[in-house]
Amino acid sequence: MVSEGSVRVDSWLWAVRVYKTRSAATAACRAGHVRLNGERVKAAQNVRVGDEVRARISGFDRILTVRALAVKRGSAAVAATCVTDLTPPPPPRESVAFVPVRDRGTGRPTKRDRREIERLRGVRDDY
C-alpha cells in the first residue's frame, strides 16, 4: 500500500481519501483544481514525500502535505498516516453570504422581488 519514490497525483489523492474515485481526482486535475507546490498539475504528475498539495473541493481549498506515498486505497487510518492536513477551519455559517432561494416555477422576479433581493444583499438602502 505505501511505496517508495513517487506516485501519480490523482492516484495519491484517491488513496488518501480526498476524492471518492480516481476518475473524480483526474477530473479535478484536468479542471485545474489541484496544485502541487503552487503549480497546476496534470493527473500524471508525480508526487513525492514533502510536497504540498492543494485540492479545491466544493469551493474551499484543502492544503495537504505528503508524509507517505500510497498507491492503493486502504483504510482511513492508513490514509491519515500518509497526509498532514494544514487546512484552516471553515468560516462560521454566519459569515457566509446568504443566497436567496426562489421557488421553482415562479418565473422571473418582479420589480418588488428584485428590490427585496437587493436589500437582502445589502446593495439597496433606499427603503
N, C-alpha and C. Protein backbone atom coordinates (compact mmCIF):
# COMPACT_ATOMS: atom_id res chain seq x y z
N MET A 1 0.82 -1.19 0.00
CA MET A 1 0.00 0.00 0.00
C MET A 1 0.87 1.25 0.00
N VAL A 2 1.85 1.36 0.90
CA VAL A 2 2.74 2.50 0.94
C VAL A 2 3.97 2.16 0.11
N SER A 3 4.41 3.11 -0.73
CA SER A 3 5.51 2.80 -1.64
C SER A 3 6.65 3.81 -1.50
N GLU A 4 7.73 3.55 -2.23
CA GLU A 4 8.92 4.40 -2.27
C GLU A 4 8.93 5.18 -3.58
N GLY A 5 9.66 6.29 -3.64
CA GLY A 5 9.84 7.00 -4.90
C GLY A 5 8.77 8.04 -5.14
N SER A 6 7.93 7.81 -6.15
CA SER A 6 6.89 8.78 -6.49
C SER A 6 5.63 8.06 -6.96
N VAL A 7 4.51 8.77 -6.86
CA VAL A 7 3.20 8.24 -7.23
C VAL A 7 2.46 9.33 -8.00
N ARG A 8 1.58 8.94 -8.92
CA ARG A 8 0.75 9.91 -9.65
C ARG A 8 -0.12 10.68 -8.66
N VAL A 9 -0.31 11.96 -8.93
CA VAL A 9 -1.06 12.81 -8.00
C VAL A 9 -2.52 12.39 -7.92
N ASP A 10 -3.14 11.99 -9.04
CA ASP A 10 -4.55 11.58 -8.97
C ASP A 10 -4.72 10.29 -8.18
N SER A 11 -3.77 9.37 -8.34
CA SER A 11 -3.82 8.12 -7.59
C SER A 11 -3.61 8.37 -6.10
N TRP A 12 -2.70 9.28 -5.77
CA TRP A 12 -2.44 9.59 -4.35
C TRP A 12 -3.64 10.27 -3.70
N LEU A 13 -4.26 11.22 -4.41
CA LEU A 13 -5.45 11.90 -3.86
C LEU A 13 -6.59 10.93 -3.61
N TRP A 14 -6.73 9.94 -4.49
CA TRP A 14 -7.76 8.92 -4.30
C TRP A 14 -7.39 8.00 -3.14
N ALA A 15 -6.11 7.63 -3.04
CA ALA A 15 -5.68 6.69 -2.00
C ALA A 15 -5.79 7.29 -0.60
N VAL A 16 -5.58 8.60 -0.46
CA VAL A 16 -5.68 9.23 0.87
C VAL A 16 -7.07 9.80 1.13
N ARG A 17 -8.03 9.43 0.29
CA ARG A 17 -9.44 9.72 0.50
C ARG A 17 -9.81 11.19 0.41
N VAL A 18 -9.14 11.92 -0.46
CA VAL A 18 -9.54 13.29 -0.73
C VAL A 18 -10.71 13.29 -1.71
N TYR A 19 -10.65 12.41 -2.71
CA TYR A 19 -11.73 12.22 -3.68
C TYR A 19 -12.24 10.80 -3.58
N LYS A 20 -13.54 10.60 -3.87
CA LYS A 20 -14.15 9.28 -3.73
C LYS A 20 -13.67 8.31 -4.80
N THR A 21 -13.43 8.81 -6.00
CA THR A 21 -12.99 7.94 -7.09
C THR A 21 -11.74 8.51 -7.73
N ARG A 22 -10.99 7.64 -8.38
CA ARG A 22 -9.79 8.12 -9.07
C ARG A 22 -10.18 8.98 -10.26
N SER A 23 -11.29 8.65 -10.90
CA SER A 23 -11.73 9.46 -12.04
C SER A 23 -12.14 10.85 -11.59
N ALA A 24 -12.67 10.99 -10.38
CA ALA A 24 -13.00 12.32 -9.86
C ALA A 24 -11.73 13.11 -9.58
N ALA A 25 -10.70 12.43 -9.09
CA ALA A 25 -9.41 13.09 -8.87
C ALA A 25 -8.79 13.52 -10.19
N THR A 26 -8.89 12.68 -11.21
CA THR A 26 -8.37 13.01 -12.53
C THR A 26 -9.12 14.20 -13.13
N ALA A 27 -10.44 14.22 -12.97
CA ALA A 27 -11.25 15.33 -13.48
C ALA A 27 -10.90 16.63 -12.77
N ALA A 28 -10.63 16.56 -11.48
CA ALA A 28 -10.24 17.75 -10.72
C ALA A 28 -8.89 18.28 -11.21
N CYS A 29 -7.98 17.39 -11.54
CA CYS A 29 -6.68 17.81 -12.08
C CYS A 29 -6.86 18.47 -13.45
N ARG A 30 -7.71 17.89 -14.28
CA ARG A 30 -7.96 18.47 -15.61
C ARG A 30 -8.60 19.85 -15.50
N ALA A 31 -9.46 20.03 -14.52
CA ALA A 31 -10.16 21.31 -14.35
C ALA A 31 -9.28 22.36 -13.69
N GLY A 32 -8.10 21.98 -13.22
CA GLY A 32 -7.19 22.95 -12.61
C GLY A 32 -7.45 23.16 -11.13
N HIS A 33 -8.15 22.22 -10.49
CA HIS A 33 -8.47 22.34 -9.07
C HIS A 33 -7.39 21.78 -8.15
N VAL A 34 -6.35 21.20 -8.72
CA VAL A 34 -5.28 20.60 -7.92
C VAL A 34 -3.97 21.33 -8.22
N ARG A 35 -3.28 21.72 -7.16
CA ARG A 35 -1.98 22.38 -7.31
C ARG A 35 -0.95 21.61 -6.50
N LEU A 36 0.23 21.48 -7.07
CA LEU A 36 1.34 20.80 -6.42
C LEU A 36 2.46 21.82 -6.27
N ASN A 37 2.77 22.16 -5.02
CA ASN A 37 3.78 23.18 -4.72
C ASN A 37 3.50 24.49 -5.45
N GLY A 38 2.22 24.87 -5.52
CA GLY A 38 1.82 26.13 -6.12
C GLY A 38 1.57 26.10 -7.61
N GLU A 39 1.85 25.00 -8.28
CA GLU A 39 1.69 24.89 -9.73
C GLU A 39 0.51 23.97 -10.05
N ARG A 40 -0.28 24.35 -11.07
CA ARG A 40 -1.34 23.45 -11.54
C ARG A 40 -0.70 22.21 -12.14
N VAL A 41 -1.32 21.07 -11.89
CA VAL A 41 -0.72 19.82 -12.35
C VAL A 41 -1.69 19.02 -13.19
N LYS A 42 -1.12 18.17 -14.02
CA LYS A 42 -1.89 17.17 -14.75
C LYS A 42 -2.00 15.95 -13.85
N ALA A 43 -2.90 15.05 -14.18
CA ALA A 43 -3.16 13.87 -13.35
C ALA A 43 -1.94 12.96 -13.25
N ALA A 44 -1.09 12.93 -14.28
CA ALA A 44 0.05 12.02 -14.30
C ALA A 44 1.28 12.59 -13.60
N GLN A 45 1.19 13.81 -13.09
CA GLN A 45 2.34 14.42 -12.39
C GLN A 45 2.66 13.60 -11.15
N ASN A 46 3.95 13.41 -10.89
CA ASN A 46 4.36 12.61 -9.74
C ASN A 46 4.42 13.45 -8.47
N VAL A 47 4.07 12.81 -7.37
CA VAL A 47 4.09 13.43 -6.05
C VAL A 47 5.16 12.74 -5.22
N ARG A 48 5.88 13.50 -4.42
CA ARG A 48 6.95 12.94 -3.58
C ARG A 48 6.70 13.34 -2.13
N VAL A 49 7.35 12.68 -1.22
CA VAL A 49 7.22 13.00 0.20
C VAL A 49 7.72 14.42 0.44
N GLY A 50 6.94 15.20 1.18
CA GLY A 50 7.29 16.58 1.49
C GLY A 50 6.61 17.60 0.60
N ASP A 51 5.95 17.17 -0.48
CA ASP A 51 5.26 18.09 -1.37
C ASP A 51 4.00 18.63 -0.72
N GLU A 52 3.59 19.84 -1.15
CA GLU A 52 2.34 20.43 -0.67
C GLU A 52 1.32 20.33 -1.80
N VAL A 53 0.16 19.76 -1.50
CA VAL A 53 -0.91 19.58 -2.48
C VAL A 53 -2.11 20.40 -2.02
N ARG A 54 -2.64 21.22 -2.93
CA ARG A 54 -3.86 21.97 -2.65
C ARG A 54 -4.95 21.45 -3.58
N ALA A 55 -6.05 21.00 -3.01
CA ALA A 55 -7.17 20.47 -3.79
C ALA A 55 -8.41 21.27 -3.46
N ARG A 56 -9.05 21.84 -4.48
CA ARG A 56 -10.28 22.61 -4.30
C ARG A 56 -11.46 21.66 -4.32
N ILE A 57 -12.18 21.64 -3.19
CA ILE A 57 -13.35 20.76 -3.06
C ILE A 57 -14.50 21.61 -2.55
N SER A 58 -15.59 21.64 -3.32
CA SER A 58 -16.81 22.38 -3.01
C SER A 58 -16.51 23.82 -2.56
N GLY A 59 -15.67 24.49 -3.32
CA GLY A 59 -15.41 25.90 -3.10
C GLY A 59 -14.32 26.24 -2.10
N PHE A 60 -13.77 25.26 -1.41
CA PHE A 60 -12.74 25.51 -0.42
C PHE A 60 -11.49 24.70 -0.75
N ASP A 61 -10.32 25.28 -0.47
CA ASP A 61 -9.06 24.59 -0.71
C ASP A 61 -8.68 23.74 0.49
N ARG A 62 -8.29 22.50 0.22
CA ARG A 62 -7.69 21.65 1.26
C ARG A 62 -6.20 21.68 1.04
N ILE A 63 -5.45 22.02 2.07
CA ILE A 63 -4.00 22.11 1.99
C ILE A 63 -3.43 20.87 2.67
N LEU A 64 -2.72 20.05 1.90
CA LEU A 64 -2.22 18.77 2.39
C LEU A 64 -0.72 18.69 2.16
N THR A 65 -0.02 18.09 3.11
CA THR A 65 1.40 17.81 2.96
C THR A 65 1.58 16.30 2.88
N VAL A 66 2.37 15.86 1.91
CA VAL A 66 2.59 14.43 1.69
C VAL A 66 3.60 13.92 2.71
N ARG A 67 3.16 12.99 3.58
CA ARG A 67 4.06 12.36 4.55
C ARG A 67 4.52 10.99 4.09
N ALA A 68 3.66 10.29 3.36
CA ALA A 68 3.99 8.97 2.82
C ALA A 68 3.23 8.80 1.52
N LEU A 69 3.73 7.92 0.68
CA LEU A 69 3.10 7.69 -0.62
C LEU A 69 2.23 6.44 -0.54
N ALA A 70 1.00 6.58 -0.99
CA ALA A 70 0.06 5.45 -1.02
C ALA A 70 -0.36 5.22 -2.46
N VAL A 71 -0.32 3.97 -2.88
CA VAL A 71 -0.69 3.62 -4.24
C VAL A 71 -2.11 3.11 -4.28
N LYS A 72 -2.47 2.29 -3.30
CA LYS A 72 -3.81 1.71 -3.25
C LYS A 72 -4.60 2.36 -2.12
N ARG A 73 -5.90 2.36 -2.29
CA ARG A 73 -6.79 2.93 -1.29
C ARG A 73 -6.96 1.92 -0.15
N GLY A 74 -6.61 2.35 1.05
CA GLY A 74 -6.71 1.46 2.20
C GLY A 74 -7.69 2.02 3.21
N SER A 75 -7.47 1.68 4.45
CA SER A 75 -8.37 2.15 5.50
C SER A 75 -8.12 3.63 5.77
N ALA A 76 -9.04 4.25 6.47
CA ALA A 76 -8.92 5.67 6.81
C ALA A 76 -7.74 5.90 7.75
N ALA A 77 -7.43 4.92 8.58
CA ALA A 77 -6.29 5.05 9.50
C ALA A 77 -4.98 5.09 8.72
N VAL A 78 -4.86 4.26 7.71
CA VAL A 78 -3.65 4.26 6.89
C VAL A 78 -3.56 5.55 6.08
N ALA A 79 -4.70 6.03 5.57
CA ALA A 79 -4.72 7.28 4.81
C ALA A 79 -4.30 8.46 5.68
N ALA A 80 -4.68 8.44 6.94
CA ALA A 80 -4.34 9.53 7.86
C ALA A 80 -2.84 9.59 8.13
N THR A 81 -2.15 8.45 8.04
CA THR A 81 -0.71 8.45 8.26
C THR A 81 0.05 8.97 7.04
N CYS A 82 -0.59 9.02 5.89
CA CYS A 82 0.08 9.43 4.65
C CYS A 82 -0.01 10.93 4.40
N VAL A 83 -0.80 11.65 5.18
CA VAL A 83 -1.06 13.05 4.88
C VAL A 83 -1.11 13.88 6.16
N THR A 84 -0.64 15.13 6.06
CA THR A 84 -0.81 16.10 7.12
C THR A 84 -1.75 17.18 6.59
N ASP A 85 -2.88 17.37 7.24
CA ASP A 85 -3.88 18.33 6.79
C ASP A 85 -3.60 19.69 7.42
N LEU A 86 -3.25 20.69 6.61
CA LEU A 86 -2.95 22.04 7.08
C LEU A 86 -4.09 23.01 6.76
N THR A 87 -5.25 22.48 6.40
CA THR A 87 -6.38 23.31 6.01
C THR A 87 -6.90 24.10 7.20
N PRO A 88 -7.08 25.42 7.05
CA PRO A 88 -7.67 26.19 8.15
C PRO A 88 -9.13 25.80 8.33
N PRO A 89 -9.67 25.99 9.53
CA PRO A 89 -11.08 25.63 9.74
C PRO A 89 -11.99 26.47 8.87
N PRO A 90 -13.14 25.92 8.47
CA PRO A 90 -14.06 26.68 7.61
C PRO A 90 -14.64 27.88 8.37
N PRO A 91 -15.03 28.93 7.65
CA PRO A 91 -15.60 30.09 8.33
C PRO A 91 -16.95 29.73 8.95
N PRO A 92 -17.34 30.43 10.02
CA PRO A 92 -18.64 30.15 10.61
C PRO A 92 -19.77 30.44 9.63
N ARG A 93 -20.88 29.78 9.82
CA ARG A 93 -22.01 29.90 8.89
C ARG A 93 -22.51 31.34 8.78
N GLU A 94 -22.39 32.13 9.83
CA GLU A 94 -22.90 33.49 9.81
C GLU A 94 -22.13 34.36 8.82
N SER A 95 -20.84 34.08 8.61
CA SER A 95 -20.03 34.92 7.74
C SER A 95 -20.17 34.55 6.27
N VAL A 96 -20.79 33.40 5.97
CA VAL A 96 -21.02 33.01 4.59
C VAL A 96 -22.22 33.77 4.06
N ALA A 97 -22.11 34.30 2.85
CA ALA A 97 -23.16 35.14 2.28
C ALA A 97 -24.46 34.35 2.11
N PHE A 98 -25.56 35.00 2.41
CA PHE A 98 -26.88 34.40 2.26
C PHE A 98 -27.31 34.53 0.81
N VAL A 99 -27.75 33.43 0.22
CA VAL A 99 -28.23 33.45 -1.16
C VAL A 99 -29.73 33.21 -1.12
N PRO A 100 -30.51 34.17 -1.58
CA PRO A 100 -31.96 33.96 -1.57
C PRO A 100 -32.36 32.84 -2.54
N VAL A 101 -33.32 32.04 -2.13
CA VAL A 101 -33.77 30.91 -2.92
C VAL A 101 -35.19 31.17 -3.38
N ARG A 102 -35.42 31.03 -4.66
CA ARG A 102 -36.76 31.21 -5.21
C ARG A 102 -37.36 29.84 -5.49
N ASP A 103 -38.66 29.75 -5.33
CA ASP A 103 -39.36 28.50 -5.63
C ASP A 103 -39.30 28.22 -7.12
N ARG A 104 -39.20 26.95 -7.45
CA ARG A 104 -39.10 26.56 -8.85
C ARG A 104 -40.44 26.81 -9.54
N GLY A 105 -40.38 27.40 -10.71
CA GLY A 105 -41.58 27.63 -11.49
C GLY A 105 -42.28 28.94 -11.20
N THR A 106 -41.69 29.80 -10.39
CA THR A 106 -42.34 31.08 -10.08
C THR A 106 -42.06 32.14 -11.12
N GLY A 107 -41.20 31.84 -12.09
CA GLY A 107 -40.92 32.80 -13.16
C GLY A 107 -39.88 33.81 -12.76
N ARG A 108 -39.78 34.85 -13.56
CA ARG A 108 -38.80 35.89 -13.31
C ARG A 108 -39.21 36.71 -12.09
N PRO A 109 -38.22 37.26 -11.38
CA PRO A 109 -38.57 38.11 -10.24
C PRO A 109 -39.25 39.39 -10.69
N THR A 110 -40.22 39.81 -9.93
CA THR A 110 -40.87 41.09 -10.22
C THR A 110 -39.97 42.22 -9.74
N LYS A 111 -40.38 43.44 -10.02
CA LYS A 111 -39.59 44.59 -9.58
C LYS A 111 -39.50 44.62 -8.06
N ARG A 112 -40.61 44.27 -7.41
CA ARG A 112 -40.64 44.24 -5.95
C ARG A 112 -39.70 43.14 -5.42
N ASP A 113 -39.75 41.96 -6.05
CA ASP A 113 -38.85 40.86 -5.65
C ASP A 113 -37.39 41.26 -5.81
N ARG A 114 -37.09 41.91 -6.93
CA ARG A 114 -35.71 42.33 -7.18
C ARG A 114 -35.24 43.31 -6.12
N ARG A 115 -36.09 44.24 -5.73
CA ARG A 115 -35.72 45.21 -4.68
C ARG A 115 -35.49 44.52 -3.34
N GLU A 116 -36.32 43.52 -3.02
CA GLU A 116 -36.13 42.77 -1.77
C GLU A 116 -34.83 41.98 -1.79
N ILE A 117 -34.51 41.39 -2.93
CA ILE A 117 -33.26 40.63 -3.05
C ILE A 117 -32.07 41.57 -2.88
N GLU A 118 -32.12 42.73 -3.52
CA GLU A 118 -31.02 43.70 -3.40
C GLU A 118 -30.88 44.21 -1.97
N ARG A 119 -32.02 44.37 -1.29
CA ARG A 119 -31.96 44.83 0.11
C ARG A 119 -31.34 43.75 1.00
N LEU A 120 -31.65 42.47 0.74
CA LEU A 120 -31.04 41.38 1.50
C LEU A 120 -29.53 41.30 1.25
N ARG A 121 -29.12 41.55 0.03
CA ARG A 121 -27.69 41.51 -0.30
C ARG A 121 -26.95 42.74 0.22
N GLY A 122 -27.67 43.78 0.58
CA GLY A 122 -27.03 44.99 1.08
C GLY A 122 -26.68 45.97 0.00
N VAL A 123 -27.26 45.77 -1.19
CA VAL A 123 -26.98 46.66 -2.32
C VAL A 123 -27.83 47.91 -2.23
N ARG A 124 -29.08 47.77 -1.79
CA ARG A 124 -30.02 48.91 -1.73
C ARG A 124 -30.32 49.26 -0.28
N ASP A 125 -30.41 50.55 -0.04
CA ASP A 125 -30.82 51.04 1.29
C ASP A 125 -31.85 52.14 1.18
N ASP A 126 -32.56 52.26 0.07
CA ASP A 126 -33.44 53.40 -0.13
C ASP A 126 -34.86 53.20 0.38
N TYR A 127 -35.09 52.20 1.22
CA TYR A 127 -36.44 52.00 1.79
C TYR A 127 -36.60 52.78 3.05
